[in-house]
């Protein structure tokens, strides 16, 4: 099954909380999220490799200087024991 990653909303202020949903990721693992170059957080996946995570954008005062830019939110997969498994897909977020 191919990995999918979706974001809602796709744009907003740097104070926006986004919902990231994914499928096809490592089963019963961990997905870590990075916004441009800043760590956002992580979430666990279920037995089918699915997840839903609600996360705040990191460093809102810093990224507010870049209104009009689109930044990548990238994913990295790990086992629950913390062993690196690979990079996953990314999705864009546009700062208004």
Foldseek 3Di string as FASTA:
>chain_A
DAKDKDKPPQEEALFDKIKIKMFPADAQWKKWKAWQHHTWGMDTAHRRRIDIDTTHHPPRVVCNVVAQDKIKIWIWIAGNVGHGDGTHDIGIHHHD
